[in-house]
Structure formats: structure tokens, C-alpha cells
Amino acid sequence: MRDSVLPRNDPAQYEELADQWWDPSGGFAALHWLAASRAEHVPPAAPPGALLVDLACGGGLMGPHVARLGYRHVGVDLGFEGLRTARSHGVLPVRGSVLAVPLADGCADVVVAGEILEHVEDDVAVLAECARLLRPGGVLVIDTLAATRIGRFLTVTVAERLPGGPPPGIHDPALFVDRERLLAAADRLGLDLRLVGLRPSLRDAVAWRLGRRGGVRMKPIRSTAVIFAGYGRKR
């Protein structure tokens, strides 16, 4: 549990909450839902043993999904406690910044960058690292929070007060992502990227809250104004 008050978006919050990574009802519950959603957009490894790089992997919540799909799974993060947990779930941990990933150009068949773009000062620099790491034809899967008034209101003012929502203070709304800027940068970087809105299934959320479901499905929606994903390939 948190025992101190930290500034918004302080990475130390993840260290304080490290014991909750794999608690499906804990402070990172929604990250479990998003990990399952990401996995739906990752093709099975071809050939077997292809490499998936998981940027800001945290406690390795993508681990079971990636193993099922047949990839070697490298997770990159700054948090020591998260990486230690990720390793126990089958992830090969690499300590490093998503702004300067210590891996070779073109090494990855898939790059996943989930819930990280809204935590950095330069989201385009992270996207550039994704492009650098991917081989031609490689798959990119991202998800993040939109820089809109309704996005800031729902994901900070409202969601931080809801069960399953983000821990209070984990996001700084000033860092939320401009979608047009992101798409323009992707094109410059040789990434064909399409954006899709996401929201939790309300029926699942009620059942989860009542203890009748272990998780909540993320449903695709037309609006990208709150939570959105990006799916694409490197040209």
C-alpha cells in the first residue's frame, strides 16, 4: 500500500504498488483488462520464437498472453520491482528507458507499448523507438489516453474514484496524447497506424465488481476521445 504522497506521474508510485501487479482486484485491475485487449491484436508468432518487445512492461501482465502466442518476450522498464515480478511470469527483463531502449534496430517482430505514451514528456520519441525496434512488416500495438477535456475528466476526475480505476495520482493529464500529432509522427516514421477507441464493457464491469467475473473486456468504439488503441505495421 502507498505510505506517502507523491507527485502525479511519479514512477515511484509503481514501486510502492508493486505487490498489486497480479491482484485482479487491486490498483492495477484495469491493466489486466488492457493486456488481454492488446493480445487480441498480436498475431501468433511466425516463426515460433519470434521476438515481442514489451515497452513499460511493469509486472509482466502480458506474459501469459505472449507465451500462448509463441513469442520470446522481452520486457523493458525502469522499475526494479516490476521487472522482478515480470521475470517470475516468463518475461526476460531489461532495465532501461522507453526513450532509449537498449536493444538493437530491427530486432522485434512485435512491439507493444501499452499505457506508457501518457506517462512521458515526449510521446513521439517513444513512437520513434517503436519504429526503430521493429523489423519491416513488424506489428505495433499501443494504447493510451487522449488529450481531450472529456478524456481528462473521465480518466482522472472520475476514474480515480471508481473501483478498478487507476490509482489516484498515477496520471498527469498534461501528458495525455494528441492523436493527430501521433498519427502524423507515425507516418513520418514509416508506421501505418490506425486508432480505435476503447471502453470497458459495462456489463462485465458490474459482474466483476460483484465478484462474478475475473476481468472486464475492453470493447472497441468509434470515439478515440478518451482511451484509444493503435494498431499498425512498419512499412
C-alpha atoms as a PDB file:
ATOM      1  CA  MET A   1       0.000   0.000   0.000  1.00  0.00           C
ATOM      2  CA  ARG A   2       1.056   3.573  -0.554  1.00  0.00           C
ATOM      3  CA  ASP A   3       2.549   5.180   2.533  1.00  0.00           C
ATOM      4  CA  SER A   4       3.438   8.601   1.119  1.00  0.00           C
ATOM      5  CA  VAL A   5       2.051  11.311  -1.095  1.00  0.00           C
ATOM      6  CA  LEU A   6       3.925  11.550  -4.390  1.00  0.00           C
ATOM      7  CA  PRO A   7       3.587  13.977  -7.294  1.00  0.00           C
ATOM      8  CA  ARG A   8       1.349  12.962 -10.166  1.00  0.00           C
ATOM      9  CA  ASN A   9       3.008  10.581 -12.615  1.00  0.00           C
ATOM     10  CA  ASP A  10       5.926   9.851 -10.281  1.00  0.00           C
ATOM     11  CA  PRO A  11       7.386   6.430 -11.281  1.00  0.00           C
ATOM     12  CA  ALA A  12       7.942   5.666  -7.602  1.00  0.00           C
ATOM     13  CA  GLN A  13       4.205   5.048  -7.330  1.00  0.00           C
ATOM     14  CA  TYR A  14       4.644   1.815  -9.266  1.00  0.00           C
ATOM     15  CA  GLU A  15       7.296   0.650  -6.815  1.00  0.00           C
ATOM     16  CA  GLU A  16       5.005   1.388  -3.880  1.00  0.00           C
ATOM     17  CA  LEU A  17       2.185  -0.572  -5.529  1.00  0.00           C
ATOM     18  CA  ALA A  18       4.372  -3.456  -6.741  1.00  0.00           C
ATOM     19  CA  ASP A  19       2.532  -6.005  -4.608  1.00  0.00           C
ATOM     20  CA  GLN A  20      -0.668  -5.295  -6.563  1.00  0.00           C
ATOM     21  CA  TRP A  21       0.542  -6.090 -10.094  1.00  0.00           C
ATOM     22  CA  TRP A  22      -1.076  -9.527 -10.202  1.00  0.00           C
ATOM     23  CA  ASP A  23      -4.069  -8.800  -7.977  1.00  0.00           C
ATOM     24  CA  PRO A  24      -7.018  -8.764 -10.425  1.00  0.00           C
ATOM     25  CA  SER A  25      -8.975  -6.631  -7.965  1.00  0.00           C
ATOM     26  CA  GLY A  26      -6.095  -4.341  -6.964  1.00  0.00           C
ATOM     27  CA  GLY A  27      -4.895  -0.951  -8.085  1.00  0.00           C
ATOM     28  CA  PHE A  28      -3.827  -2.262 -11.482  1.00  0.00           C
ATOM     29  CA  ALA A  29      -7.025  -4.160 -12.301  1.00  0.00           C
ATOM     30  CA  ALA A  30      -7.678  -2.184 -15.485  1.00  0.00           C
ATOM     31  CA  LEU A  31      -4.189  -3.007 -16.745  1.00  0.00           C
ATOM     32  CA  HIS A  32      -5.155  -6.682 -16.759  1.00  0.00           C
ATOM     33  CA  TRP A  33      -8.130  -5.820 -18.970  1.00  0.00           C
ATOM     34  CA  LEU A  34      -5.955  -3.802 -21.329  1.00  0.00           C
ATOM     35  CA  ALA A  35      -3.306  -6.526 -21.540  1.00  0.00           C
ATOM     36  CA  ALA A  36      -5.948  -9.001 -22.707  1.00  0.00           C
ATOM     37  CA  SER A  37      -7.191  -6.454 -25.258  1.00  0.00           C
ATOM     38  CA  ARG A  38      -3.679  -5.931 -26.640  1.00  0.00           C
ATOM     39  CA  ALA A  39      -3.158  -9.659 -27.021  1.00  0.00           C
ATOM     40  CA  GLU A  40      -6.180  -9.882 -29.316  1.00  0.00           C
ATOM     41  CA  HIS A  41      -4.248  -7.783 -31.857  1.00  0.00           C
ATOM     42  CA  VAL A  42      -0.967  -9.691 -31.750  1.00  0.00           C
ATOM     43  CA  PRO A  43      -0.760 -12.473 -34.368  1.00  0.00           C
ATOM     44  CA  PRO A  44       0.681 -15.872 -33.417  1.00  0.00           C
ATOM     45  CA  ALA A  45       4.458 -15.967 -33.692  1.00  0.00           C
ATOM     46  CA  ALA A  46       5.726 -16.880 -37.150  1.00  0.00           C
ATOM     47  CA  PRO A  47       8.229 -18.406 -36.992  1.00  0.00           C
ATOM     48  CA  PRO A  48       7.963 -19.814 -33.466  1.00  0.00           C
ATOM     49  CA  GLY A  49      10.308 -17.963 -31.145  1.00  0.00           C
ATOM     50  CA  ALA A  50       9.838 -14.605 -32.852  1.00  0.00           C
ATOM     51  CA  LEU A  51      10.578 -11.650 -30.565  1.00  0.00           C
ATOM     52  CA  LEU A  52       7.999  -9.424 -28.888  1.00  0.00           C
ATOM     53  CA  VAL A  53       9.311  -6.327 -27.109  1.00  0.00           C
ATOM     54  CA  ASP A  54       7.021  -5.063 -24.358  1.00  0.00           C
ATOM     55  CA  LEU A  55       7.809  -1.425 -23.541  1.00  0.00           C
ATOM     56  CA  ALA A  56       6.991  -0.314 -19.992  1.00  0.00           C
ATOM     57  CA  CYS A  57       6.143  -3.927 -19.182  1.00  0.00           C
ATOM     58  CA  GLY A  58       5.568  -3.257 -15.489  1.00  0.00           C
ATOM     59  CA  GLY A  59       4.911  -6.510 -13.665  1.00  0.00           C
ATOM     60  CA  GLY A  60       4.631  -8.504 -16.892  1.00  0.00           C
ATOM     61  CA  LEU A  61       0.875  -8.677 -17.301  1.00  0.00           C
ATOM     62  CA  MET A  62       1.317  -9.501 -21.000  1.00  0.00           C
ATOM     63  CA  GLY A  63       3.347 -12.593 -20.041  1.00  0.00           C
ATOM     64  CA  PRO A  64       0.679 -15.334 -20.241  1.00  0.00           C
ATOM     65  CA  HIS A  65      -0.732 -13.914 -23.481  1.00  0.00           C
ATOM     66  CA  VAL A  66       2.673 -13.674 -25.152  1.00  0.00           C
ATOM     67  CA  ALA A  67       3.649 -17.197 -24.094  1.00  0.00           C
ATOM     68  CA  ARG A  68       0.417 -18.569 -25.554  1.00  0.00           C
ATOM     69  CA  LEU A  69       1.161 -16.824 -28.860  1.00  0.00           C
ATOM     70  CA  GLY A  70       4.639 -18.359 -29.055  1.00  0.00           C
ATOM     71  CA  TYR A  71       6.944 -15.323 -28.764  1.00  0.00           C
ATOM     72  CA  ARG A  72      10.137 -14.753 -26.888  1.00  0.00           C
ATOM     73  CA  HIS A  73       9.066 -11.963 -24.561  1.00  0.00           C
ATOM     74  CA  VAL A  74      11.444  -9.145 -23.644  1.00  0.00           C
ATOM     75  CA  GLY A  75      10.089  -6.569 -21.213  1.00  0.00           C
ATOM     76  CA  VAL A  76      11.671  -3.116 -20.848  1.00  0.00           C
ATOM     77  CA  ASP A  77      11.018  -0.948 -17.805  1.00  0.00           C
ATOM     78  CA  LEU A  78      12.737   1.333 -15.315  1.00  0.00           C
ATOM     79  CA  GLY A  79      11.098  -0.157 -12.228  1.00  0.00           C
ATOM     80  CA  PHE A  80      13.189  -2.794 -10.494  1.00  0.00           C
ATOM     81  CA  GLU A  81      10.317  -4.323  -8.530  1.00  0.00           C
ATOM     82  CA  GLY A  82       8.101  -4.552 -11.604  1.00  0.00           C
ATOM     83  CA  LEU A  83      10.846  -6.225 -13.621  1.00  0.00           C
ATOM     84  CA  ARG A  84      11.479  -8.730 -10.856  1.00  0.00           C
ATOM     85  CA  THR A  85       7.793  -9.620 -10.864  1.00  0.00           C
ATOM     86  CA  ALA A  86       7.719  -9.768 -14.675  1.00  0.00           C
ATOM     87  CA  ARG A  87      10.612 -12.225 -14.662  1.00  0.00           C
ATOM     88  CA  SER A  88       8.637 -14.582 -12.442  1.00  0.00           C
ATOM     89  CA  HIS A  89       5.932 -14.596 -15.123  1.00  0.00           C
ATOM     90  CA  GLY A  90       8.169 -15.623 -18.001  1.00  0.00           C
ATOM     91  CA  VAL A  91       9.370 -12.215 -19.200  1.00  0.00           C
ATOM     92  CA  LEU A  92      13.054 -11.603 -19.976  1.00  0.00           C
ATOM     93  CA  PRO A  93      13.587  -8.311 -18.116  1.00  0.00           C
ATOM     94  CA  VAL A  94      15.677  -5.456 -19.498  1.00  0.00           C
ATOM     95  CA  ARG A  95      16.106  -2.369 -17.332  1.00  0.00           C
ATOM     96  CA  GLY A  96      16.034   0.769 -19.454  1.00  0.00           C
ATOM     97  CA  SER A  97      14.138   3.813 -20.612  1.00  0.00           C
ATOM     98  CA  VAL A  98      11.468   3.619 -23.306  1.00  0.00           C
ATOM     99  CA  LEU A  99      13.069   6.787 -24.710  1.00  0.00           C
ATOM    100  CA  ALA A 100      16.365   4.958 -25.378  1.00  0.00           C
ATOM    101  CA  VAL A 101      15.702   1.221 -25.413  1.00  0.00           C
ATOM    102  CA  PRO A 102      18.912  -0.836 -25.042  1.00  0.00           C
ATOM    103  CA  LEU A 103      18.026  -3.247 -27.875  1.00  0.00           C
ATOM    104  CA  ALA A 104      19.169  -3.488 -31.495  1.00  0.00           C
ATOM    105  CA  ASP A 105      17.499  -1.876 -34.514  1.00  0.00           C
ATOM    106  CA  GLY A 106      15.001  -4.143 -36.244  1.00  0.00           C
ATOM    107  CA  CYS A 107      15.159  -6.832 -33.576  1.00  0.00           C
ATOM    108  CA  ALA A 108      11.428  -7.130 -32.916  1.00  0.00           C
ATOM    109  CA  ASP A 109       8.628  -8.852 -34.772  1.00  0.00           C
ATOM    110  CA  VAL A 110       6.117  -7.150 -32.471  1.00  0.00           C
ATOM    111  CA  VAL A 111       6.379  -4.093 -30.231  1.00  0.00           C
ATOM    112  CA  VAL A 112       3.763  -3.463 -27.574  1.00  0.00           C
ATOM    113  CA  ALA A 113       3.670  -0.050 -25.891  1.00  0.00           C
ATOM    114  CA  GLY A 114       0.692  -0.107 -23.567  1.00  0.00           C
ATOM    115  CA  GLU A 115      -0.214   2.660 -21.159  1.00  0.00           C
ATOM    116  CA  ILE A 116       3.111   4.459 -21.490  1.00  0.00           C
ATOM    117  CA  LEU A 117       2.725   7.300 -24.004  1.00  0.00           C
ATOM    118  CA  GLU A 118       0.690   9.293 -21.465  1.00  0.00           C
ATOM    119  CA  HIS A 119       3.485   8.995 -18.909  1.00  0.00           C
ATOM    120  CA  VAL A 120       6.348  10.595 -20.863  1.00  0.00           C
ATOM    121  CA  GLU A 121       7.205  14.156 -21.857  1.00  0.00           C
ATOM    122  CA  ASP A 122       7.898  13.126 -25.476  1.00  0.00           C
ATOM    123  CA  ASP A 123       5.450  10.517 -26.741  1.00  0.00           C
ATOM    124  CA  VAL A 124       6.772  10.859 -30.303  1.00  0.00           C
ATOM    125  CA  ALA A 125      10.240   9.838 -29.102  1.00  0.00           C
ATOM    126  CA  VAL A 126       8.744   6.624 -27.722  1.00  0.00           C
ATOM    127  CA  LEU A 127       6.978   6.027 -31.029  1.00  0.00           C
ATOM    128  CA  ALA A 128      10.313   6.534 -32.795  1.00  0.00           C
ATOM    129  CA  GLU A 129      11.846   3.842 -30.595  1.00  0.00           C
ATOM    130  CA  CYS A 130       8.978   1.508 -31.518  1.00  0.00           C
ATOM    131  CA  ALA A 131       9.701   2.126 -35.209  1.00  0.00           C
ATOM    132  CA  ARG A 132      13.436   1.607 -34.703  1.00  0.00           C
ATOM    133  CA  LEU A 133      12.967  -1.701 -32.918  1.00  0.00           C
ATOM    134  CA  LEU A 134      10.521  -3.166 -35.446  1.00  0.00           C
ATOM    135  CA  ARG A 135      11.641  -5.118 -38.473  1.00  0.00           C
ATOM    136  CA  PRO A 136       9.907  -4.184 -41.773  1.00  0.00           C
ATOM    137  CA  GLY A 137       6.426  -5.675 -41.641  1.00  0.00           C
ATOM    138  CA  GLY A 138       6.543  -5.901 -37.856  1.00  0.00           C
ATOM    139  CA  VAL A 139       3.407  -5.305 -35.784  1.00  0.00           C
ATOM    140  CA  LEU A 140       2.847  -2.379 -33.399  1.00  0.00           C
ATOM    141  CA  VAL A 141       0.194  -2.343 -30.658  1.00  0.00           C
ATOM    142  CA  ILE A 142      -0.258   0.683 -28.400  1.00  0.00           C
ATOM    143  CA  ASP A 143      -2.896   2.057 -26.059  1.00  0.00           C
ATOM    144  CA  THR A 144      -3.010   5.342 -24.227  1.00  0.00           C
ATOM    145  CA  LEU A 145      -5.156   8.300 -23.107  1.00  0.00           C
ATOM    146  CA  ALA A 146      -6.368  11.135 -25.300  1.00  0.00           C
ATOM    147  CA  ALA A 147      -5.561  14.800 -24.657  1.00  0.00           C
ATOM    148  CA  THR A 148      -9.173  15.972 -24.596  1.00  0.00           C
ATOM    149  CA  ARG A 149     -11.304  17.655 -21.968  1.00  0.00           C
ATOM    150  CA  ILE A 150     -13.621  14.677 -21.698  1.00  0.00           C
ATOM    151  CA  GLY A 151     -10.643  12.320 -21.612  1.00  0.00           C
ATOM    152  CA  ARG A 152      -9.038  14.169 -18.727  1.00  0.00           C
ATOM    153  CA  PHE A 153     -12.345  14.381 -16.859  1.00  0.00           C
ATOM    154  CA  LEU A 154     -13.279  10.709 -17.230  1.00  0.00           C
ATOM    155  CA  THR A 155      -9.849   9.134 -16.727  1.00  0.00           C
ATOM    156  CA  VAL A 156      -8.695  11.360 -13.865  1.00  0.00           C
ATOM    157  CA  THR A 157     -11.573  13.133 -12.113  1.00  0.00           C
ATOM    158  CA  VAL A 158     -13.998  10.210 -12.424  1.00  0.00           C
ATOM    159  CA  ALA A 159     -11.922   7.029 -12.893  1.00  0.00           C
ATOM    160  CA  GLU A 160      -9.596   7.642  -9.953  1.00  0.00           C
ATOM    161  CA  ARG A 161     -12.665   7.369  -7.709  1.00  0.00           C
ATOM    162  CA  LEU A 162     -14.016   4.143  -9.221  1.00  0.00           C
ATOM    163  CA  PRO A 163     -13.230   0.511  -8.300  1.00  0.00           C
ATOM    164  CA  GLY A 164     -10.831  -0.845 -10.901  1.00  0.00           C
ATOM    165  CA  GLY A 165      -9.840   2.648 -11.966  1.00  0.00           C
ATOM    166  CA  PRO A 166      -6.266   3.952 -11.894  1.00  0.00           C
ATOM    167  CA  PRO A 167      -4.630   4.622  -8.524  1.00  0.00           C
ATOM    168  CA  PRO A 168      -5.042   8.301  -7.551  1.00  0.00           C
ATOM    169  CA  GLY A 169      -2.209  10.407  -8.922  1.00  0.00           C
ATOM    170  CA  ILE A 170      -0.864   7.815 -11.341  1.00  0.00           C
ATOM    171  CA  HIS A 171      -1.581  10.037 -14.367  1.00  0.00           C
ATOM    172  CA  ASP A 172      -0.698  13.633 -15.171  1.00  0.00           C
ATOM    173  CA  PRO A 173      -3.369  14.880 -17.603  1.00  0.00           C
ATOM    174  CA  ALA A 174      -0.902  17.412 -19.021  1.00  0.00           C
ATOM    175  CA  LEU A 175       0.904  14.473 -20.656  1.00  0.00           C
ATOM    176  CA  PHE A 176      -2.096  12.936 -22.407  1.00  0.00           C
ATOM    177  CA  VAL A 177      -1.652  12.230 -26.111  1.00  0.00           C
ATOM    178  CA  ASP A 178      -2.595  14.407 -29.080  1.00  0.00           C
ATOM    179  CA  ARG A 179      -3.998  11.914 -31.591  1.00  0.00           C
ATOM    180  CA  GLU A 180      -3.387  13.964 -34.746  1.00  0.00           C
ATOM    181  CA  ARG A 181       0.215  14.603 -33.737  1.00  0.00           C
ATOM    182  CA  LEU A 182       0.695  10.902 -33.034  1.00  0.00           C
ATOM    183  CA  LEU A 183      -0.684   9.835 -36.415  1.00  0.00           C
ATOM    184  CA  ALA A 184       1.434  12.390 -38.271  1.00  0.00           C
ATOM    185  CA  ALA A 185       4.543  11.200 -36.445  1.00  0.00           C
ATOM    186  CA  ALA A 186       3.720   7.566 -37.195  1.00  0.00           C
ATOM    187  CA  ASP A 187       3.510   8.310 -40.899  1.00  0.00           C
ATOM    188  CA  ARG A 188       6.880  10.102 -40.841  1.00  0.00           C
ATOM    189  CA  LEU A 189       8.400   7.121 -39.042  1.00  0.00           C
ATOM    190  CA  GLY A 190       7.160   4.627 -41.611  1.00  0.00           C
ATOM    191  CA  LEU A 191       4.358   3.225 -39.463  1.00  0.00           C
ATOM    192  CA  ASP A 192       0.904   2.544 -40.872  1.00  0.00           C
ATOM    193  CA  LEU A 193      -1.199   3.131 -37.771  1.00  0.00           C
ATOM    194  CA  ARG A 194      -4.947   3.206 -37.207  1.00  0.00           C
ATOM    195  CA  LEU A 195      -6.595   4.369 -33.995  1.00  0.00           C
ATOM    196  CA  VAL A 196      -9.582   2.720 -32.311  1.00  0.00           C
ATOM    197  CA  GLY A 197     -11.429   3.865 -29.207  1.00  0.00           C
ATOM    198  CA  LEU A 198     -11.757   1.530 -26.224  1.00  0.00           C
ATOM    199  CA  ARG A 199     -14.069   1.333 -23.254  1.00  0.00           C
ATOM    200  CA  PRO A 200     -14.734  -1.293 -20.566  1.00  0.00           C
ATOM    201  CA  SER A 201     -17.829  -3.441 -21.030  1.00  0.00           C
ATOM    202  CA  LEU A 202     -20.318  -2.019 -18.539  1.00  0.00           C
ATOM    203  CA  ARG A 203     -21.988  -5.397 -18.065  1.00  0.00           C
ATOM    204  CA  ASP A 204     -18.635  -7.031 -17.367  1.00  0.00           C
ATOM    205  CA  ALA A 205     -17.642  -4.221 -15.010  1.00  0.00           C
ATOM    206  CA  VAL A 206     -20.761  -4.733 -12.891  1.00  0.00           C
ATOM    207  CA  ALA A 207     -20.212  -8.514 -12.834  1.00  0.00           C
ATOM    208  CA  TRP A 208     -16.547  -8.005 -11.935  1.00  0.00           C
ATOM    209  CA  ARG A 209     -17.466  -5.654  -9.112  1.00  0.00           C
ATOM    210  CA  LEU A 210     -19.915  -8.260  -7.764  1.00  0.00           C
ATOM    211  CA  GLY A 211     -17.228 -10.939  -7.910  1.00  0.00           C
ATOM    212  CA  ARG A 212     -18.868 -12.838 -10.761  1.00  0.00           C
ATOM    213  CA  ARG A 213     -16.115 -12.228 -13.338  1.00  0.00           C
ATOM    214  CA  GLY A 214     -12.349 -12.278 -13.079  1.00  0.00           C
ATOM    215  CA  GLY A 215     -11.882  -9.467 -15.582  1.00  0.00           C
ATOM    216  CA  VAL A 216     -13.555  -6.962 -17.866  1.00  0.00           C
ATOM    217  CA  ARG A 217     -13.484  -6.950 -21.665  1.00  0.00           C
ATOM    218  CA  MET A 218     -12.388  -3.780 -23.416  1.00  0.00           C
ATOM    219  CA  LYS A 219     -14.796  -3.046 -26.253  1.00  0.00           C
ATOM    220  CA  PRO A 220     -13.833  -1.166 -29.436  1.00  0.00           C
ATOM    221  CA  ILE A 221     -15.800   2.027 -30.059  1.00  0.00           C
ATOM    222  CA  ARG A 222     -15.743   4.718 -32.720  1.00  0.00           C
ATOM    223  CA  SER A 223     -14.694   7.608 -30.493  1.00  0.00           C
ATOM    224  CA  THR A 224     -10.986   7.862 -29.610  1.00  0.00           C
ATOM    225  CA  ALA A 225     -11.566  10.829 -27.291  1.00  0.00           C
ATOM    226  CA  VAL A 226     -10.896   9.014 -24.000  1.00  0.00           C
ATOM    227  CA  ILE A 227      -8.981   5.706 -24.163  1.00  0.00           C
ATOM    228  CA  PHE A 228      -7.648   4.625 -27.521  1.00  0.00           C
ATOM    229  CA  ALA A 229      -5.516   1.921 -29.062  1.00  0.00           C
ATOM    230  CA  GLY A 230      -3.297   1.994 -32.119  1.00  0.00           C
ATOM    231  CA  TYR A 231      -2.718  -0.998 -34.370  1.00  0.00           C
ATOM    232  CA  GLY A 232      -0.277  -0.999 -37.251  1.00  0.00           C
ATOM    233  CA  ARG A 233       2.769  -2.261 -39.090  1.00  0.00           C
ATOM    234  CA  LYS A 234       6.136  -0.898 -40.084  1.00  0.00           C
ATOM    235  CA  ARG A 235       6.375  -0.281 -43.815  1.00  0.00           C
END
